[in-house]
C-alpha atoms as a PDB file:
ATOM      1  CA  UNK A   1      19.387  27.942 -30.356  1.00  0.00           C
ATOM      2  CA  UNK A   2      20.645  29.840 -33.450  1.00  0.00           C
ATOM      3  CA  UNK A   3      24.000  28.722 -34.822  1.00  0.00           C
ATOM      4  CA  UNK A   4      26.986  30.936 -34.126  1.00  0.00           C
ATOM      5  CA  UNK A   5      28.053  30.381 -37.734  1.00  0.00           C
ATOM      6  CA  UNK A   6      26.493  31.583 -40.998  1.00  0.00           C
ATOM      7  CA  UNK A   7      24.505  28.960 -42.869  1.00  0.00           C
ATOM      8  CA  UNK A   8      26.726  29.581 -45.910  1.00  0.00           C
ATOM      9  CA  UNK A   9      30.031  31.433 -45.993  1.00  0.00           C
ATOM     10  CA  UNK A  10      31.703  31.814 -49.392  1.00  0.00           C
ATOM     11  CA  UNK A  11      35.045  33.578 -49.044  1.00  0.00           C
ATOM     12  CA  UNK A  12      37.192  34.711 -51.959  1.00  0.00           C
ATOM     13  CA  UNK A  13      36.062  31.868 -54.202  1.00  0.00           C
ATOM     14  CA  UNK A  14      37.461  31.633 -57.706  1.00  0.00           C
ATOM     15  CA  UNK A  15      37.225  28.750 -60.142  1.00  0.00           C
ATOM     16  CA  UNK A  16      39.213  28.493 -63.343  1.00  0.00           C
ATOM     17  CA  UNK A  17      39.039  26.072 -66.251  1.00  0.00           C
ATOM     18  CA  UNK A  18      42.369  26.311 -68.022  1.00  0.00           C
ATOM     19  CA  UNK A  19      42.787  29.992 -68.846  1.00  0.00           C
ATOM     20  CA  UNK A  20      39.109  30.805 -68.337  1.00  0.00           C
ATOM     21  CA  UNK A  21      38.084  32.232 -64.946  1.00  0.00           C
ATOM     22  CA  UNK A  22      34.428  31.245 -64.512  1.00  0.00           C
ATOM     23  CA  UNK A  23      34.139  32.542 -60.933  1.00  0.00           C
ATOM     24  CA  UNK A  24      36.321  35.431 -59.846  1.00  0.00           C
ATOM     25  CA  UNK A  25      36.715  36.262 -56.152  1.00  0.00           C
ATOM     26  CA  UNK A  26      33.141  35.829 -54.928  1.00  0.00           C
ATOM     27  CA  UNK A  27      32.165  36.520 -51.296  1.00  0.00           C
ATOM     28  CA  UNK A  28      28.701  35.551 -50.028  1.00  0.00           C
ATOM     29  CA  UNK A  29      27.218  35.094 -46.571  1.00  0.00           C
ATOM     30  CA  UNK A  30      23.774  33.644 -45.876  1.00  0.00           C
ATOM     31  CA  UNK A  31      22.140  33.145 -42.501  1.00  0.00           C
ATOM     32  CA  UNK A  32      19.317  30.799 -41.538  1.00  0.00           C
ATOM     33  CA  UNK A  33      16.181  31.642 -43.513  1.00  0.00           C
ATOM     34  CA  UNK A  34      17.967  33.867 -46.045  1.00  0.00           C
ATOM     35  CA  UNK A  35      17.183  33.429 -49.731  1.00  0.00           C
ATOM     36  CA  UNK A  36      19.511  35.007 -52.277  1.00  0.00           C
ATOM     37  CA  UNK A  37      18.182  35.536 -55.804  1.00  0.00           C
ATOM     38  CA  UNK A  38      21.190  35.410 -58.111  1.00  0.00           C
ATOM     39  CA  UNK A  39      20.737  37.046 -61.493  1.00  0.00           C
ATOM     40  CA  UNK A  40      23.093  37.271 -64.435  1.00  0.00           C
ATOM     41  CA  UNK A  41      23.427  36.611 -68.170  1.00  0.00           C
ATOM     42  CA  UNK A  42      24.344  33.246 -69.634  1.00  0.00           C
ATOM     43  CA  UNK A  43      28.015  32.501 -69.037  1.00  0.00           C
ATOM     44  CA  UNK A  44      28.233  34.733 -65.962  1.00  0.00           C
ATOM     45  CA  UNK A  45      29.458  31.841 -63.783  1.00  0.00           C
ATOM     46  CA  UNK A  46      26.274  31.278 -61.784  1.00  0.00           C
ATOM     47  CA  UNK A  47      26.041  27.526 -62.349  1.00  0.00           C
ATOM     48  CA  UNK A  48      29.748  27.070 -61.655  1.00  0.00           C
ATOM     49  CA  UNK A  49      29.361  28.961 -58.391  1.00  0.00           C
ATOM     50  CA  UNK A  50      26.388  26.781 -57.423  1.00  0.00           C
ATOM     51  CA  UNK A  51      28.385  23.625 -58.125  1.00  0.00           C
ATOM     52  CA  UNK A  52      31.209  24.929 -55.941  1.00  0.00           C
ATOM     53  CA  UNK A  53      28.806  25.717 -53.082  1.00  0.00           C
ATOM     54  CA  UNK A  54      27.266  22.249 -53.512  1.00  0.00           C
ATOM     55  CA  UNK A  55      30.677  20.649 -53.124  1.00  0.00           C
ATOM     56  CA  UNK A  56      30.623  19.232 -56.666  1.00  0.00           C
ATOM     57  CA  UNK A  57      33.563  21.419 -57.747  1.00  0.00           C
ATOM     58  CA  UNK A  58      36.602  22.386 -55.693  1.00  0.00           C
ATOM     59  CA  UNK A  59      37.358  26.125 -55.796  1.00  0.00           C
ATOM     60  CA  UNK A  60      40.672  27.098 -57.361  1.00  0.00           C
ATOM     61  CA  UNK A  61      41.072  29.664 -54.585  1.00  0.00           C
ATOM     62  CA  UNK A  62      38.972  30.564 -51.552  1.00  0.00           C
ATOM     63  CA  UNK A  63      36.739  28.479 -49.313  1.00  0.00           C
ATOM     64  CA  UNK A  64      33.125  27.479 -48.711  1.00  0.00           C
ATOM     65  CA  UNK A  65      31.769  26.724 -45.232  1.00  0.00           C
ATOM     66  CA  UNK A  66      28.314  25.385 -44.397  1.00  0.00           C
ATOM     67  CA  UNK A  67      27.287  25.887 -40.785  1.00  0.00           C
ATOM     68  CA  UNK A  68      30.893  26.663 -39.904  1.00  0.00           C
ATOM     69  CA  UNK A  69      32.257  23.476 -41.505  1.00  0.00           C
ATOM     70  CA  UNK A  70      34.438  23.441 -44.611  1.00  0.00           C
ATOM     71  CA  UNK A  71      32.989  21.578 -47.579  1.00  0.00           C
ATOM     72  CA  UNK A  72      36.431  20.327 -48.520  1.00  0.00           C
ATOM     73  CA  UNK A  73      36.790  16.742 -47.335  1.00  0.00           C
ATOM     74  CA  UNK A  74      33.723  16.909 -45.080  1.00  0.00           C
ATOM     75  CA  UNK A  75      30.950  14.618 -46.299  1.00  0.00           C
ATOM     76  CA  UNK A  76      28.689  15.647 -43.398  1.00  0.00           C
ATOM     77  CA  UNK A  77      28.909  19.298 -44.455  1.00  0.00           C
ATOM     78  CA  UNK A  78      28.136  18.433 -48.073  1.00  0.00           C
ATOM     79  CA  UNK A  79      25.142  16.381 -46.904  1.00  0.00           C
ATOM     80  CA  UNK A  80      23.603  19.594 -45.538  1.00  0.00           C
ATOM     81  CA  UNK A  81      23.250  20.898 -49.109  1.00  0.00           C
ATOM     82  CA  UNK A  82      20.500  20.055 -51.592  1.00  0.00           C
ATOM     83  CA  UNK A  83      20.929  21.001 -55.267  1.00  0.00           C
ATOM     84  CA  UNK A  84      18.001  21.507 -57.638  1.00  0.00           C
ATOM     85  CA  UNK A  85      19.221  21.849 -61.221  1.00  0.00           C
ATOM     86  CA  UNK A  86      17.451  22.683 -64.458  1.00  0.00           C
ATOM     87  CA  UNK A  87      18.629  19.222 -65.574  1.00  0.00           C
ATOM     88  CA  UNK A  88      16.683  16.464 -63.810  1.00  0.00           C
ATOM     89  CA  UNK A  89      19.524  13.883 -63.653  1.00  0.00           C
ATOM     90  CA  UNK A  90      16.996  11.172 -62.750  1.00  0.00           C
ATOM     91  CA  UNK A  91      17.114   7.431 -63.417  1.00  0.00           C
ATOM     92  CA  UNK A  92      14.521   7.128 -66.168  1.00  0.00           C
ATOM     93  CA  UNK A  93      13.833   3.416 -65.639  1.00  0.00           C
ATOM     94  CA  UNK A  94      12.969   3.923 -61.962  1.00  0.00           C
ATOM     95  CA  UNK A  95       9.683   5.280 -60.653  1.00  0.00           C
ATOM     96  CA  UNK A  96       9.384   8.727 -59.134  1.00  0.00           C
ATOM     97  CA  UNK A  97       9.345   7.239 -55.621  1.00  0.00           C
ATOM     98  CA  UNK A  98      12.298   4.939 -56.333  1.00  0.00           C
ATOM     99  CA  UNK A  99      14.406   7.874 -57.521  1.00  0.00           C
ATOM    100  CA  UNK A 100      13.702   9.892 -54.390  1.00  0.00           C
ATOM    101  CA  UNK A 101      13.968   6.853 -52.102  1.00  0.00           C
ATOM    102  CA  UNK A 102      17.388   6.018 -53.578  1.00  0.00           C
ATOM    103  CA  UNK A 103      18.625   9.514 -52.718  1.00  0.00           C
ATOM    104  CA  UNK A 104      17.210   9.164 -49.191  1.00  0.00           C
ATOM    105  CA  UNK A 105      19.157   5.915 -48.737  1.00  0.00           C
ATOM    106  CA  UNK A 106      22.374   7.571 -49.918  1.00  0.00           C
ATOM    107  CA  UNK A 107      21.945  10.249 -47.259  1.00  0.00           C
ATOM    108  CA  UNK A 108      21.132   7.698 -44.554  1.00  0.00           C
ATOM    109  CA  UNK A 109      17.616   9.050 -43.994  1.00  0.00           C
ATOM    110  CA  UNK A 110      15.586   6.866 -41.586  1.00  0.00           C
ATOM    111  CA  UNK A 111      12.649   5.104 -43.302  1.00  0.00           C
ATOM    112  CA  UNK A 112      13.647   6.256 -46.811  1.00  0.00           C
ATOM    113  CA  UNK A 113      10.368   5.120 -48.381  1.00  0.00           C
ATOM    114  CA  UNK A 114       8.287   7.296 -46.052  1.00  0.00           C
ATOM    115  CA  UNK A 115      10.709  10.199 -46.487  1.00  0.00           C
ATOM    116  CA  UNK A 116      10.419   9.874 -50.279  1.00  0.00           C
ATOM    117  CA  UNK A 117       6.631  10.027 -50.114  1.00  0.00           C
ATOM    118  CA  UNK A 118       6.750  13.099 -47.859  1.00  0.00           C
ATOM    119  CA  UNK A 119       9.048  14.871 -50.320  1.00  0.00           C
ATOM    120  CA  UNK A 120       6.807  13.982 -53.264  1.00  0.00           C
ATOM    121  CA  UNK A 121       3.779  15.254 -51.362  1.00  0.00           C
ATOM    122  CA  UNK A 122       5.498  18.578 -50.647  1.00  0.00           C
ATOM    123  CA  UNK A 123       5.924  19.222 -54.368  1.00  0.00           C
ATOM    124  CA  UNK A 124       2.423  17.822 -55.100  1.00  0.00           C
ATOM    125  CA  UNK A 125       3.342  14.802 -57.198  1.00  0.00           C
ATOM    126  CA  UNK A 126       2.662  11.936 -54.778  1.00  0.00           C
ATOM    127  CA  UNK A 127      -0.128  10.719 -57.078  1.00  0.00           C
ATOM    128  CA  UNK A 128       2.541   9.814 -59.655  1.00  0.00           C
ATOM    129  CA  UNK A 129       4.875   8.107 -57.184  1.00  0.00           C
ATOM    130  CA  UNK A 130       4.694   4.735 -58.964  1.00  0.00           C
ATOM    131  CA  UNK A 131       5.057   6.100 -62.495  1.00  0.00           C
ATOM    132  CA  UNK A 132       8.360   5.430 -64.274  1.00  0.00           C
ATOM    133  CA  UNK A 133      10.217   8.695 -64.757  1.00  0.00           C
ATOM    134  CA  UNK A 134      10.465   8.055 -68.515  1.00  0.00           C
ATOM    135  CA  UNK A 135       6.652   8.231 -68.686  1.00  0.00           C
ATOM    136  CA  UNK A 136       6.481  11.644 -67.015  1.00  0.00           C
ATOM    137  CA  UNK A 137       6.446  15.020 -68.753  1.00  0.00           C
ATOM    138  CA  UNK A 138       9.439  17.347 -68.486  1.00  0.00           C
ATOM    139  CA  UNK A 139       7.660  19.411 -65.847  1.00  0.00           C
ATOM    140  CA  UNK A 140       6.723  16.401 -63.722  1.00  0.00           C
ATOM    141  CA  UNK A 141      10.281  15.101 -63.956  1.00  0.00           C
ATOM    142  CA  UNK A 142      11.445  18.458 -62.629  1.00  0.00           C
ATOM    143  CA  UNK A 143       9.116  18.067 -59.656  1.00  0.00           C
ATOM    144  CA  UNK A 144      10.614  14.630 -58.919  1.00  0.00           C
ATOM    145  CA  UNK A 145      14.085  16.179 -59.120  1.00  0.00           C
ATOM    146  CA  UNK A 146      13.030  18.822 -56.591  1.00  0.00           C
ATOM    147  CA  UNK A 147      11.673  16.149 -54.237  1.00  0.00           C
ATOM    148  CA  UNK A 148      14.943  14.238 -54.499  1.00  0.00           C
ATOM    149  CA  UNK A 149      16.956  17.358 -53.601  1.00  0.00           C
ATOM    150  CA  UNK A 150      15.003  18.018 -50.383  1.00  0.00           C
ATOM    151  CA  UNK A 151      14.335  14.454 -49.202  1.00  0.00           C
ATOM    152  CA  UNK A 152      17.159  14.637 -46.626  1.00  0.00           C
ATOM    153  CA  UNK A 153      15.897  18.016 -45.322  1.00  0.00           C
ATOM    154  CA  UNK A 154      19.058  19.996 -46.121  1.00  0.00           C
ATOM    155  CA  UNK A 155      19.801  23.223 -44.280  1.00  0.00           C
ATOM    156  CA  UNK A 156      21.025  24.817 -47.524  1.00  0.00           C
ATOM    157  CA  UNK A 157      19.088  24.515 -50.788  1.00  0.00           C
ATOM    158  CA  UNK A 158      20.624  25.572 -54.110  1.00  0.00           C
ATOM    159  CA  UNK A 159      18.205  26.132 -56.986  1.00  0.00           C
ATOM    160  CA  UNK A 160      19.585  26.529 -60.507  1.00  0.00           C
ATOM    161  CA  UNK A 161      16.712  27.607 -62.787  1.00  0.00           C
ATOM    162  CA  UNK A 162      14.287  25.349 -60.865  1.00  0.00           C
ATOM    163  CA  UNK A 163      11.179  26.698 -62.624  1.00  0.00           C
ATOM    164  CA  UNK A 164      12.389  25.379 -65.994  1.00  0.00           C
ATOM    165  CA  UNK A 165       9.692  23.179 -67.532  1.00  0.00           C
ATOM    166  CA  UNK A 166       7.168  23.683 -64.727  1.00  0.00           C
ATOM    167  CA  UNK A 167       3.590  24.609 -65.572  1.00  0.00           C
ATOM    168  CA  UNK A 168       1.587  27.057 -63.465  1.00  0.00           C
ATOM    169  CA  UNK A 169       0.630  24.387 -60.919  1.00  0.00           C
ATOM    170  CA  UNK A 170       4.186  23.126 -60.634  1.00  0.00           C
ATOM    171  CA  UNK A 171       5.544  26.646 -60.298  1.00  0.00           C
ATOM    172  CA  UNK A 172       3.028  27.448 -57.562  1.00  0.00           C
ATOM    173  CA  UNK A 173       3.927  24.231 -55.728  1.00  0.00           C
ATOM    174  CA  UNK A 174       7.614  25.118 -55.890  1.00  0.00           C
ATOM    175  CA  UNK A 175       7.047  28.689 -54.679  1.00  0.00           C
ATOM    176  CA  UNK A 176       4.942  27.450 -51.753  1.00  0.00           C
ATOM    177  CA  UNK A 177       7.643  24.921 -50.869  1.00  0.00           C
ATOM    178  CA  UNK A 178      10.355  27.591 -50.938  1.00  0.00           C
ATOM    179  CA  UNK A 179       8.389  29.754 -48.506  1.00  0.00           C
ATOM    180  CA  UNK A 180       7.945  26.756 -46.191  1.00  0.00           C
ATOM    181  CA  UNK A 181      11.640  25.889 -46.366  1.00  0.00           C
ATOM    182  CA  UNK A 182      12.607  29.451 -45.477  1.00  0.00           C
ATOM    183  CA  UNK A 183      10.117  29.517 -42.609  1.00  0.00           C
ATOM    184  CA  UNK A 184      11.734  26.322 -41.295  1.00  0.00           C
ATOM    185  CA  UNK A 185      15.144  28.025 -41.339  1.00  0.00           C
ATOM    186  CA  UNK A 186      16.646  26.699 -44.574  1.00  0.00           C
ATOM    187  CA  UNK A 187      18.932  29.041 -46.501  1.00  0.00           C
ATOM    188  CA  UNK A 188      18.704  29.213 -50.284  1.00  0.00           C
ATOM    189  CA  UNK A 189      20.414  30.509 -53.389  1.00  0.00           C
ATOM    190  CA  UNK A 190      18.026  30.810 -56.339  1.00  0.00           C
ATOM    191  CA  UNK A 191      19.428  31.300 -59.841  1.00  0.00           C
ATOM    192  CA  UNK A 192      16.811  32.602 -62.240  1.00  0.00           C
ATOM    193  CA  UNK A 193      16.484  34.840 -65.291  1.00  0.00           C
ATOM    194  CA  UNK A 194      13.036  35.971 -64.128  1.00  0.00           C
ATOM    195  CA  UNK A 195      13.735  39.060 -62.016  1.00  0.00           C
ATOM    196  CA  UNK A 196      10.218  39.516 -60.632  1.00  0.00           C
ATOM    197  CA  UNK A 197       9.954  35.819 -59.792  1.00  0.00           C
ATOM    198  CA  UNK A 198      13.274  35.899 -57.947  1.00  0.00           C
ATOM    199  CA  UNK A 199      12.543  39.099 -56.018  1.00  0.00           C
ATOM    200  CA  UNK A 200       9.143  37.730 -54.939  1.00  0.00           C
ATOM    201  CA  UNK A 201      10.609  34.780 -53.026  1.00  0.00           C
ATOM    202  CA  UNK A 202      14.040  36.093 -51.966  1.00  0.00           C
ATOM    203  CA  UNK A 203      15.284  38.189 -49.072  1.00  0.00           C
ATOM    204  CA  UNK A 204      18.375  39.413 -50.935  1.00  0.00           C
ATOM    205  CA  UNK A 205      19.420  39.789 -54.552  1.00  0.00           C
ATOM    206  CA  UNK A 206      22.739  39.862 -56.360  1.00  0.00           C
ATOM    207  CA  UNK A 207      23.861  40.277 -59.953  1.00  0.00           C
ATOM    208  CA  UNK A 208      26.757  38.235 -61.310  1.00  0.00           C
ATOM    209  CA  UNK A 209      28.596  39.238 -64.481  1.00  0.00           C
ATOM    210  CA  UNK A 210      31.818  37.716 -65.840  1.00  0.00           C
ATOM    211  CA  UNK A 211      32.367  35.702 -62.677  1.00  0.00           C
ATOM    212  CA  UNK A 212      31.976  38.605 -60.245  1.00  0.00           C
ATOM    213  CA  UNK A 213      29.176  39.901 -58.026  1.00  0.00           C
ATOM    214  CA  UNK A 214      28.597  43.429 -59.299  1.00  0.00           C
ATOM    215  CA  UNK A 215      25.475  44.394 -57.336  1.00  0.00           C
ATOM    216  CA  UNK A 216      23.824  43.389 -54.041  1.00  0.00           C
ATOM    217  CA  UNK A 217      20.439  44.455 -52.667  1.00  0.00           C
ATOM    218  CA  UNK A 218      17.905  43.753 -49.942  1.00  0.00           C
ATOM    219  CA  UNK A 219      14.702  42.758 -51.738  1.00  0.00           C
ATOM    220  CA  UNK A 220      12.429  44.658 -49.354  1.00  0.00           C
ATOM    221  CA  UNK A 221      14.174  47.893 -50.348  1.00  0.00           C
ATOM    222  CA  UNK A 222      13.850  47.617 -54.137  1.00  0.00           C
ATOM    223  CA  UNK A 223      10.990  48.058 -56.573  1.00  0.00           C
ATOM    224  CA  UNK A 224      10.743  45.052 -58.888  1.00  0.00           C
ATOM    225  CA  UNK A 225      10.100  47.076 -62.057  1.00  0.00           C
ATOM    226  CA  UNK A 226      12.864  49.558 -61.369  1.00  0.00           C
ATOM    227  CA  UNK A 227      15.243  46.762 -60.468  1.00  0.00           C
ATOM    228  CA  UNK A 228      14.432  44.856 -63.674  1.00  0.00           C
ATOM    229  CA  UNK A 229      15.283  47.909 -65.766  1.00  0.00           C
ATOM    230  CA  UNK A 230      18.515  48.538 -63.905  1.00  0.00           C
ATOM    231  CA  UNK A 231      19.438  44.872 -64.252  1.00  0.00           C
ATOM    232  CA  UNK A 232      18.919  44.956 -68.019  1.00  0.00           C
ATOM    233  CA  UNK A 233      21.117  48.060 -68.205  1.00  0.00           C
ATOM    234  CA  UNK A 234      23.874  46.258 -66.299  1.00  0.00           C
ATOM    235  CA  UNK A 235      23.709  43.197 -68.541  1.00  0.00           C
ATOM    236  CA  UNK A 236      23.859  45.099 -71.845  1.00  0.00           C
ATOM    237  CA  UNK A 237      26.407  47.694 -70.705  1.00  0.00           C
END
């Protein structure tokens, strides 16, 4: 039965660092299976917003709810979120499987070893499961990082420039995985500078500038080329 609550509900969220307001009054709502492509120039506040939605930063004002539960002080709500960053944040001395298995144990996943292998298979890197991360290329490390983020089967997946460092095969594996996650009901926020790439996998799009959402669209109703031009005009205005 569908949940009575949105998968993600961001209400009036701001985040300041001293005098700098990185996120300024953002409202977002995602339902099961939604994927929001979030575009914006460097310094727009996208990564800060993602860290707030992941529960890694506390908003200065506003609130974030996942499945109707507040992230603040609720470890179970935070456990429903998986974050894929452009920085791998892996343990280089451990193997690919050990990195993902360790994350599975932290989340209390039954049979963490089997869960780790399933996650590695989904991103097509199971053949390197026993390779130390330090011996892997940047792109393969990114694939391990993606496997680690989804090993606990989160209902919300946050992707901050996830295609960084991936070759064509890795990018195709990630795109296929995103479509499968959406089909299974996961909700996603995808931060990317590649407009066509983002529009191709998302259901909705938004543009963030100077901490604020300045444009929202339904992807099915926009032309990718026209949108790209309009986005560039917004960014350089």
